[in-house]
Amino acid sequence: MSSTTTIVASGELGFSPALPVTLPAFLEFMNNDLQQEWTHLKFYLYHSAAVTGINAVSYRKFFEEAAQGEMQHVQAFIDRLYGLNFANPVQSSSAFSTFTNAEDAMAHAIELEMHVVENYAKRLQQLAQLAEAHPVTAKYLTIFYEEQLKDSYEDCERMRRIMANDLRQIMRNTRHDPNKFLAK
């Protein structure tokens, strides 16, 4: 089965079975992925300063470290795009949701990263089809996307553990009475 690029209702590039993915089309997909990485960078950077709550200091440190990781992702995408002679990698992010509650920001961060994981799994399918016409480039980009997927998946696991630990700590500190930490 082959595939083609399509424009979906939201205006983003999509993927549907039909014709083979071309290298120029795949580079546009990568550029869209770069924009998501810029968005994540700005999301984490913003929340490293904006979150509040009982564990805000820990969350701020986490978001600061996550922003540094996203900067590495941005750099990696830019390097790949320039390396493949893509003339103008995106320099901006999409709008993102903002939170002051640390746990809300963390929950949204998990959603953002899971979206990326699912997206990169689609990219790997597209690269399998691109391999027929561009075997070396497709293999190289497959390794790149596998590493990106792994990083984002592991970030999700880490965030889920952090949130689970915090919830257990809150419940332990309140002797399992949720009313002691809920606003009245």
Foldseek 3Di string as FASTA:
>chain_A
DAWEWDQDPVRDIDIDPDHAYEPVNLLSVLLVVLQLLQVLLVLLQVQLPQADDPCSPVLNVVSVVSSVVSVVVNVVSVVLSVVVVNPDRDDHHDDDDDDHHSLVSLVVLLVSLVVLLVSLVVSLVSLVRNCVVPVVSSVVVNVVSVVSNVVSVVSNVVSVVVVVVVVVVVCVVVVNDVVVPDDD
